[in-house]
Amino acid sequence: MFDPQIWFYTGCALVVIGSIATVTGPGVKDPIVRILNTEIPAVGLSLIFLTYNHTIALLTYIAATTIITLILLRAVVRLEEMGAEL
């Protein structure tokens, strides 16, 4: 019914693909796309933890999403204050 190997390998693939997207993401002008590029690895990490424990997966996703969003929004505000074009 619930095959943990599928979720584990899907999570590993999302972490790798999302990390590559995050590295190439600073060239993207749209801040929303940058946030989405960082959400992909967070979902992948949550899928990996989902194979072990549901609670730890949920907490990891919530914490990663909150921290990444705050950091990126602060960076966007700082760049706009400096007058840089996004």
Protein backbone atom coordinates (compact mmCIF):
# COMPACT_ATOMS: atom_id res chain seq x y z
CA MET A 1 0.00 0.00 0.00
CA PHE A 2 2.55 2.62 1.10
CA ASP A 3 5.86 1.93 -0.56
CA PRO A 4 8.51 4.00 1.25
CA GLN A 5 11.12 3.46 -1.46
CA ILE A 6 9.10 5.40 -4.03
CA TRP A 7 8.77 8.40 -1.70
CA PHE A 8 12.41 8.22 -0.63
CA TYR A 9 13.79 8.18 -4.18
CA THR A 10 11.33 10.84 -5.34
CA GLY A 11 12.45 13.03 -2.43
CA CYS A 12 16.12 12.48 -3.31
CA ALA A 13 15.44 13.45 -6.93
CA LEU A 14 13.55 16.60 -5.85
CA VAL A 15 16.38 17.61 -3.52
CA VAL A 16 18.97 17.26 -6.29
CA ILE A 17 16.85 18.96 -8.98
CA GLY A 18 15.72 21.68 -6.58
CA SER A 19 19.26 22.38 -5.44
CA ILE A 20 20.37 22.81 -9.04
CA ALA A 21 17.39 25.12 -9.66
CA THR A 22 18.28 27.15 -6.57
CA VAL A 23 21.89 27.54 -7.67
CA THR A 24 20.84 28.75 -11.12
CA GLY A 25 17.94 30.74 -9.66
CA PRO A 26 19.75 34.02 -8.87
CA GLY A 27 19.82 34.74 -12.61
CA VAL A 28 16.01 34.80 -12.57
CA LYS A 29 14.53 38.28 -12.25
CA ASP A 30 11.19 37.31 -10.67
CA PRO A 31 11.35 36.89 -6.86
CA ILE A 32 8.38 34.50 -6.90
CA VAL A 33 10.30 32.10 -9.13
CA ARG A 34 13.25 32.30 -6.75
CA ILE A 35 11.00 31.32 -3.84
CA LEU A 36 9.55 28.43 -5.84
CA ASN A 37 13.08 27.25 -6.70
CA THR A 38 13.82 26.94 -2.99
CA GLU A 39 10.53 25.23 -2.21
CA ILE A 40 11.36 22.24 -4.43
CA PRO A 41 14.22 20.99 -2.20
CA ALA A 42 12.08 21.59 0.90
CA VAL A 43 9.37 19.32 -0.49
CA GLY A 44 12.00 16.72 -1.42
CA LEU A 45 13.46 16.78 2.07
CA SER A 46 9.99 16.40 3.53
CA LEU A 47 9.35 13.36 1.31
CA ILE A 48 12.58 11.79 2.53
CA PHE A 49 11.58 12.35 6.15
CA LEU A 50 8.07 11.11 5.35
CA THR A 51 9.48 7.62 4.91
CA TYR A 52 10.63 7.74 8.54
CA ASN A 53 8.05 9.75 10.45
CA HIS A 54 5.04 11.87 9.46
CA THR A 55 5.49 14.44 12.23
CA ILE A 56 9.12 15.14 11.46
CA ALA A 57 8.27 15.56 7.77
CA LEU A 58 5.58 18.13 8.52
CA LEU A 59 7.76 20.07 10.94
CA THR A 60 10.67 20.08 8.50
CA TYR A 61 8.50 21.41 5.68
CA ILE A 62 6.98 24.15 7.83
CA ALA A 63 10.36 25.24 9.22
CA ALA A 64 12.17 25.17 5.87
CA THR A 65 9.41 27.08 4.10
CA THR A 66 9.22 29.76 6.78
CA ILE A 67 12.97 30.32 7.02
CA ILE A 68 13.56 30.36 3.26
CA THR A 69 10.66 32.74 2.63
CA LEU A 70 11.83 35.18 5.31
CA ILE A 71 15.40 35.18 4.01
CA LEU A 72 14.40 35.71 0.38
CA LEU A 73 11.85 38.43 1.15
CA ARG A 74 14.44 40.26 3.24
CA ALA A 75 16.92 40.02 0.36
CA VAL A 76 14.37 41.38 -2.11
CA VAL A 77 13.51 44.30 0.18
CA ARG A 78 17.20 45.05 0.73
CA LEU A 79 17.86 45.06 -3.03
CA GLU A 80 14.94 47.40 -3.64
CA GLU A 81 16.21 49.77 -0.95
CA MET A 82 19.58 49.88 -2.68
CA GLY A 83 17.87 50.70 -5.97
CA ALA A 84 18.81 47.54 -7.81
CA GLU A 85 16.49 46.29 -10.53
CA LEU A 86 14.98 42.87 -9.92
